Amino acid sequence: ERSERKRVTEPLHETRPPTYVVVEGDTLYKIALRFYGRTSAWKTIRDANKAVISTDGRINAGQKLVLP
């Protein structure tokens, strides 16, 4: 009897929705890692949300961000 194992590979990050609502404890780094798979993508998120993110990059729970 031969048993075969299927290899299941999961993506490094979640499927990226068009928008994301910030929850308590989030940072741009954490959101970037979660949806882009790398922390350096925080700049992309910041640049796409200049109208709602302060110049220091701080975000607040409840803010709705566009994820380009």
PDB file of N, CA and C in Angstrom:
ATOM      1  N   GLU A   1       0.852  -1.191   0.000  1.00  0.00           N
ATOM      2  CA  GLU A   1       0.000   0.000   0.000  1.00  0.00           C
ATOM      3  C   GLU A   1       0.883   1.236   0.000  1.00  0.00           C
ATOM      4  N   ARG A   2       0.582   2.133  -0.858  1.00  0.00           N
ATOM      5  CA  ARG A   2       1.393   3.337  -1.009  1.00  0.00           C
ATOM      6  C   ARG A   2       0.612   4.554  -0.525  1.00  0.00           C
ATOM      7  N   SER A   3       1.199   5.282   0.393  1.00  0.00           N
ATOM      8  CA  SER A   3       0.507   6.487   0.861  1.00  0.00           C
ATOM      9  C   SER A   3       1.203   7.713   0.285  1.00  0.00           C
ATOM     10  N   GLU A   4       0.403   8.619  -0.183  1.00  0.00           N
ATOM     11  CA  GLU A   4       0.947   9.844  -0.742  1.00  0.00           C
ATOM     12  C   GLU A   4       0.589  11.006   0.174  1.00  0.00           C
ATOM     13  N   ARG A   5       1.555  11.864   0.360  1.00  0.00           N
ATOM     14  CA  ARG A   5       1.302  13.057   1.167  1.00  0.00           C
ATOM     15  C   ARG A   5       1.227  14.251   0.242  1.00  0.00           C
ATOM     16  N   LYS A   6       0.214  15.016   0.450  1.00  0.00           N
ATOM     17  CA  LYS A   6       0.110  16.254  -0.317  1.00  0.00           C
ATOM     18  C   LYS A   6       0.790  17.352   0.484  1.00  0.00           C
ATOM     19  N   ARG A   7       1.593  18.075  -0.202  1.00  0.00           N
ATOM     20  CA  ARG A   7       2.280  19.185   0.474  1.00  0.00           C
ATOM     21  C   ARG A   7       1.392  20.420   0.401  1.00  0.00           C
ATOM     22  N   VAL A   8       1.065  20.939   1.559  1.00  0.00           N
ATOM     23  CA  VAL A   8       0.221  22.129   1.620  1.00  0.00           C
ATOM     24  C   VAL A   8       1.125  23.313   1.914  1.00  0.00           C
ATOM     25  N   THR A   9       1.096  24.260   1.030  1.00  0.00           N
ATOM     26  CA  THR A   9       1.894  25.459   1.264  1.00  0.00           C
ATOM     27  C   THR A   9       0.962  26.622   1.486  1.00  0.00           C
ATOM     28  N   GLU A  10       1.192  27.318   2.551  1.00  0.00           N
ATOM     29  CA  GLU A  10       0.389  28.481   2.881  1.00  0.00           C
ATOM     30  C   GLU A  10       1.161  29.725   2.504  1.00  0.00           C
ATOM     31  N   PRO A  11       0.444  30.756   2.079  1.00  0.00           N
ATOM     32  CA  PRO A  11       1.141  31.999   1.742  1.00  0.00           C
ATOM     33  C   PRO A  11       1.779  32.613   2.985  1.00  0.00           C
ATOM     34  N   LEU A  12       2.820  33.391   2.768  1.00  0.00           N
ATOM     35  CA  LEU A  12       3.490  34.039   3.885  1.00  0.00           C
ATOM     36  C   LEU A  12       2.623  35.118   4.509  1.00  0.00           C
ATOM     37  N   HIS A  13       1.684  35.639   3.757  1.00  0.00           N
ATOM     38  CA  HIS A  13       0.840  36.713   4.246  1.00  0.00           C
ATOM     39  C   HIS A  13      -0.586  36.496   3.778  1.00  0.00           C
ATOM     40  N   GLU A  14      -1.492  37.213   4.393  1.00  0.00           N
ATOM     41  CA  GLU A  14      -2.904  37.066   4.068  1.00  0.00           C
ATOM     42  C   GLU A  14      -3.218  37.715   2.723  1.00  0.00           C
ATOM     43  N   THR A  15      -4.331  37.308   2.145  1.00  0.00           N
ATOM     44  CA  THR A  15      -4.804  37.966   0.942  1.00  0.00           C
ATOM     45  C   THR A  15      -5.098  39.419   1.290  1.00  0.00           C
ATOM     46  N   ARG A  16      -4.634  40.320   0.450  1.00  0.00           N
ATOM     47  CA  ARG A  16      -4.747  41.740   0.752  1.00  0.00           C
ATOM     48  C   ARG A  16      -6.107  42.287   0.319  1.00  0.00           C
ATOM     49  N   PRO A  17      -6.886  42.782   1.277  1.00  0.00           N
ATOM     50  CA  PRO A  17      -8.156  43.419   0.929  1.00  0.00           C
ATOM     51  C   PRO A  17      -7.877  44.840   0.419  1.00  0.00           C
ATOM     52  N   PRO A  18      -8.856  45.485  -0.225  1.00  0.00           N
ATOM     53  CA  PRO A  18      -8.624  46.847  -0.718  1.00  0.00           C
ATOM     54  C   PRO A  18      -8.483  47.873   0.402  1.00  0.00           C
ATOM     55  N   THR A  19      -9.144  47.602   1.542  1.00  0.00           N
ATOM     56  CA  THR A  19      -9.028  48.501   2.697  1.00  0.00           C
ATOM     57  C   THR A  19      -8.856  47.676   3.964  1.00  0.00           C
ATOM     58  N   TYR A  20      -8.400  48.339   5.009  1.00  0.00           N
ATOM     59  CA  TYR A  20      -8.183  47.672   6.293  1.00  0.00           C
ATOM     60  C   TYR A  20      -8.505  48.653   7.404  1.00  0.00           C
ATOM     61  N   VAL A  21      -9.240  48.206   8.407  1.00  0.00           N
ATOM     62  CA  VAL A  21      -9.539  49.038   9.570  1.00  0.00           C
ATOM     63  C   VAL A  21      -8.546  48.682  10.671  1.00  0.00           C
ATOM     64  N   VAL A  22      -7.828  49.682  11.130  1.00  0.00           N
ATOM     65  CA  VAL A  22      -6.787  49.514  12.142  1.00  0.00           C
ATOM     66  C   VAL A  22      -7.408  49.055  13.457  1.00  0.00           C
ATOM     67  N   VAL A  23      -6.771  48.083  14.095  1.00  0.00           N
ATOM     68  CA  VAL A  23      -7.194  47.629  15.420  1.00  0.00           C
ATOM     69  C   VAL A  23      -6.133  48.005  16.440  1.00  0.00           C
ATOM     70  N   GLU A  24      -6.513  48.003  17.688  1.00  0.00           N
ATOM     71  CA  GLU A  24      -5.602  48.335  18.777  1.00  0.00           C
ATOM     72  C   GLU A  24      -4.340  47.488  18.695  1.00  0.00           C
ATOM     73  N   GLY A  25      -3.196  48.134  18.783  1.00  0.00           N
ATOM     74  CA  GLY A  25      -1.924  47.423  18.757  1.00  0.00           C
ATOM     75  C   GLY A  25      -1.285  47.352  17.379  1.00  0.00           C
ATOM     76  N   ASP A  26      -2.023  47.739  16.329  1.00  0.00           N
ATOM     77  CA  ASP A  26      -1.465  47.730  14.981  1.00  0.00           C
ATOM     78  C   ASP A  26      -0.419  48.821  14.810  1.00  0.00           C
ATOM     79  N   THR A  27       0.535  48.545  13.948  1.00  0.00           N
ATOM     80  CA  THR A  27       1.497  49.539  13.481  1.00  0.00           C
ATOM     81  C   THR A  27       1.576  49.380  11.969  1.00  0.00           C
ATOM     82  N   LEU A  28       2.132  50.366  11.300  1.00  0.00           N
ATOM     83  CA  LEU A  28       2.291  50.235   9.853  1.00  0.00           C
ATOM     84  C   LEU A  28       3.192  49.056   9.529  1.00  0.00           C
ATOM     85  N   TYR A  29       4.205  48.815  10.366  1.00  0.00           N
ATOM     86  CA  TYR A  29       5.103  47.672  10.159  1.00  0.00           C
ATOM     87  C   TYR A  29       4.334  46.349  10.227  1.00  0.00           C
ATOM     88  N   LYS A  30       3.473  46.210  11.240  1.00  0.00           N
ATOM     89  CA  LYS A  30       2.711  44.971  11.414  1.00  0.00           C
ATOM     90  C   LYS A  30       1.734  44.747  10.266  1.00  0.00           C
ATOM     91  N   ILE A  31       1.080  45.825   9.833  1.00  0.00           N
ATOM     92  CA  ILE A  31       0.132  45.710   8.732  1.00  0.00           C
ATOM     93  C   ILE A  31       0.869  45.348   7.444  1.00  0.00           C
ATOM     94  N   ALA A  32       2.020  45.974   7.223  1.00  0.00           N
ATOM     95  CA  ALA A  32       2.821  45.684   6.031  1.00  0.00           C
ATOM     96  C   ALA A  32       3.262  44.222   6.012  1.00  0.00           C
ATOM     97  N   LEU A  33       3.725  43.731   7.139  1.00  0.00           N
ATOM     98  CA  LEU A  33       4.162  42.340   7.216  1.00  0.00           C
ATOM     99  C   LEU A  33       2.988  41.394   6.985  1.00  0.00           C
ATOM    100  N   ARG A  34       1.854  41.709   7.564  1.00  0.00           N
ATOM    101  CA  ARG A  34       0.673  40.845   7.458  1.00  0.00           C
ATOM    102  C   ARG A  34       0.155  40.733   6.025  1.00  0.00           C
ATOM    103  N   PHE A  35       0.094  41.858   5.311  1.00  0.00           N
ATOM    104  CA  PHE A  35      -0.536  41.848   3.997  1.00  0.00           C
ATOM    105  C   PHE A  35       0.430  41.874   2.815  1.00  0.00           C
ATOM    106  N   TYR A  36       1.670  42.265   3.053  1.00  0.00           N
ATOM    107  CA  TYR A  36       2.642  42.334   1.963  1.00  0.00           C
ATOM    108  C   TYR A  36       3.806  41.359   2.150  1.00  0.00           C
ATOM    109  N   GLY A  37       3.913  40.799   3.354  1.00  0.00           N
ATOM    110  CA  GLY A  37       4.969  39.830   3.605  1.00  0.00           C
ATOM    111  C   GLY A  37       6.324  40.449   3.904  1.00  0.00           C
ATOM    112  N   ARG A  38       6.363  41.780   4.025  1.00  0.00           N
ATOM    113  CA  ARG A  38       7.615  42.464   4.347  1.00  0.00           C
ATOM    114  C   ARG A  38       7.314  43.779   5.054  1.00  0.00           C
ATOM    115  N   THR A  39       8.116  44.110   6.057  1.00  0.00           N
ATOM    116  CA  THR A  39       7.876  45.334   6.827  1.00  0.00           C
ATOM    117  C   THR A  39       8.162  46.594   6.028  1.00  0.00           C
ATOM    118  N   SER A  40       9.034  46.500   5.045  1.00  0.00           N
ATOM    119  CA  SER A  40       9.392  47.691   4.271  1.00  0.00           C
ATOM    120  C   SER A  40       8.217  48.274   3.491  1.00  0.00           C
ATOM    121  N   ALA A  41       7.142  47.527   3.342  1.00  0.00           N
ATOM    122  CA  ALA A  41       5.967  48.011   2.617  1.00  0.00           C
ATOM    123  C   ALA A  41       5.183  49.052   3.417  1.00  0.00           C
ATOM    124  N   TRP A  42       5.609  49.349   4.638  1.00  0.00           N
ATOM    125  CA  TRP A  42       4.904  50.370   5.431  1.00  0.00           C
ATOM    126  C   TRP A  42       4.895  51.709   4.690  1.00  0.00           C
ATOM    127  N   LYS A  43       5.929  51.990   3.938  1.00  0.00           N
ATOM    128  CA  LYS A  43       6.009  53.261   3.198  1.00  0.00           C
ATOM    129  C   LYS A  43       4.931  53.318   2.118  1.00  0.00           C
ATOM    130  N   THR A  44       4.669  52.193   1.485  1.00  0.00           N
ATOM    131  CA  THR A  44       3.631  52.123   0.456  1.00  0.00           C
ATOM    132  C   THR A  44       2.273  52.428   1.068  1.00  0.00           C
ATOM    133  N   ILE A  45       2.013  51.858   2.244  1.00  0.00           N
ATOM    134  CA  ILE A  45       0.745  52.096   2.938  1.00  0.00           C
ATOM    135  C   ILE A  45       0.647  53.560   3.351  1.00  0.00           C
ATOM    136  N   ARG A  46       1.718  54.083   3.928  1.00  0.00           N
ATOM    137  CA  ARG A  46       1.715  55.486   4.357  1.00  0.00           C
ATOM    138  C   ARG A  46       1.468  56.411   3.180  1.00  0.00           C
ATOM    139  N   ASP A  47       2.172  56.193   2.083  1.00  0.00           N
ATOM    140  CA  ASP A  47       2.032  57.059   0.920  1.00  0.00           C
ATOM    141  C   ASP A  47       0.624  57.033   0.335  1.00  0.00           C
ATOM    142  N   ALA A  48      -0.035  55.895   0.405  1.00  0.00           N
ATOM    143  CA  ALA A  48      -1.397  55.770  -0.128  1.00  0.00           C
ATOM    144  C   ALA A  48      -2.443  56.362   0.808  1.00  0.00           C
ATOM    145  N   ASN A  49      -2.028  56.678   2.046  1.00  0.00           N
ATOM    146  CA  ASN A  49      -2.984  57.153   3.051  1.00  0.00           C
ATOM    147  C   ASN A  49      -2.541  58.459   3.697  1.00  0.00           C
ATOM    148  N   LYS A  50      -1.856  59.304   2.930  1.00  0.00           N
ATOM    149  CA  LYS A  50      -1.332  60.554   3.487  1.00  0.00           C
ATOM    150  C   LYS A  50      -2.405  61.430   4.121  1.00  0.00           C
ATOM    151  N   ALA A  51      -3.625  61.323   3.636  1.00  0.00           N
ATOM    152  CA  ALA A  51      -4.717  62.147   4.161  1.00  0.00           C
ATOM    153  C   ALA A  51      -5.143  61.724   5.566  1.00  0.00           C
ATOM    154  N   VAL A  52      -4.888  60.462   5.948  1.00  0.00           N
ATOM    155  CA  VAL A  52      -5.369  59.981   7.250  1.00  0.00           C
ATOM    156  C   VAL A  52      -4.249  59.568   8.209  1.00  0.00           C
ATOM    157  N   ILE A  53      -3.016  59.468   7.708  1.00  0.00           N
ATOM    158  CA  ILE A  53      -1.903  59.090   8.574  1.00  0.00           C
ATOM    159  C   ILE A  53      -1.070  60.337   8.864  1.00  0.00           C
ATOM    160  N   SER A  54      -0.770  60.570  10.132  1.00  0.00           N
ATOM    161  CA  SER A  54       0.017  61.740  10.498  1.00  0.00           C
ATOM    162  C   SER A  54       1.437  61.611   9.948  1.00  0.00           C
ATOM    163  N   THR A  55       2.131  62.722   9.890  1.00  0.00           N
ATOM    164  CA  THR A  55       3.475  62.734   9.310  1.00  0.00           C
ATOM    165  C   THR A  55       4.450  61.847  10.070  1.00  0.00           C
ATOM    166  N   ASP A  56       4.187  61.583  11.343  1.00  0.00           N
ATOM    167  CA  ASP A  56       5.077  60.716  12.123  1.00  0.00           C
ATOM    168  C   ASP A  56       4.759  59.227  11.919  1.00  0.00           C
ATOM    169  N   GLY A  57       3.726  58.924  11.126  1.00  0.00           N
ATOM    170  CA  GLY A  57       3.400  57.541  10.809  1.00  0.00           C
ATOM    171  C   GLY A  57       2.539  56.837  11.836  1.00  0.00           C
ATOM    172  N   ARG A  58       2.077  57.554  12.824  1.00  0.00           N
ATOM    173  CA  ARG A  58       1.233  56.917  13.840  1.00  0.00           C
ATOM    174  C   ARG A  58      -0.169  56.708  13.302  1.00  0.00           C
ATOM    175  N   ILE A  59      -0.730  55.572  13.672  1.00  0.00           N
ATOM    176  CA  ILE A  59      -2.101  55.250  13.280  1.00  0.00           C
ATOM    177  C   ILE A  59      -2.903  54.948  14.528  1.00  0.00           C
ATOM    178  N   ASN A  60      -4.211  55.078  14.408  1.00  0.00           N
ATOM    179  CA  ASN A  60      -5.100  54.864  15.550  1.00  0.00           C
ATOM    180  C   ASN A  60      -6.154  53.815  15.223  1.00  0.00           C
ATOM    181  N   ALA A  61      -6.556  53.063  16.244  1.00  0.00           N
ATOM    182  CA  ALA A  61      -7.603  52.066  16.088  1.00  0.00           C
ATOM    183  C   ALA A  61      -8.835  52.748  15.501  1.00  0.00           C
ATOM    184  N   GLY A  62      -9.455  52.071  14.539  1.00  0.00           N
ATOM    185  CA  GLY A  62     -10.656  52.604  13.906  1.00  0.00           C
ATOM    186  C   GLY A  62     -10.399  53.300  12.588  1.00  0.00           C
ATOM    187  N   GLN A  63      -9.133  53.655  12.312  1.00  0.00           N
ATOM    188  CA  GLN A  63      -8.827  54.303  11.038  1.00  0.00           C
ATOM    189  C   GLN A  63      -8.982  53.300   9.898  1.00  0.00           C
ATOM    190  N   LYS A  64      -9.496  53.774   8.782  1.00  0.00           N
ATOM    191  CA  LYS A  64      -9.645  52.925   7.595  1.00  0.00           C
ATOM    192  C   LYS A  64      -8.517  53.290   6.624  1.00  0.00           C
ATOM    193  N   LEU A  65      -7.700  52.301   6.292  1.00  0.00           N
ATOM    194  CA  LEU A  65      -6.574  52.514   5.408  1.00  0.00           C
ATOM    195  C   LEU A  65      -6.794  51.827   4.078  1.00  0.00           C
ATOM    196  N   VAL A  66      -6.323  52.449   3.008  1.00  0.00           N
ATOM    197  CA  VAL A  66      -6.314  51.833   1.691  1.00  0.00           C
ATOM    198  C   VAL A  66      -5.052  50.988   1.595  1.00  0.00           C
ATOM    199  N   LEU A  67      -5.183  49.772   1.092  1.00  0.00           N
ATOM    200  CA  LEU A  67      -4.015  48.902   0.892  1.00  0.00           C
ATOM    201  C   LEU A  67      -3.792  48.760  -0.613  1.00  0.00           C
ATOM    202  N   PRO A  68      -2.867  49.558  -1.145  1.00  0.00           N
ATOM    203  CA  PRO A  68      -2.646  49.549  -2.597  1.00  0.00           C
ATOM    204  C   PRO A  68      -2.020  48.267  -3.100  1.00  0.00           C
TER     205      PRO A  68
END
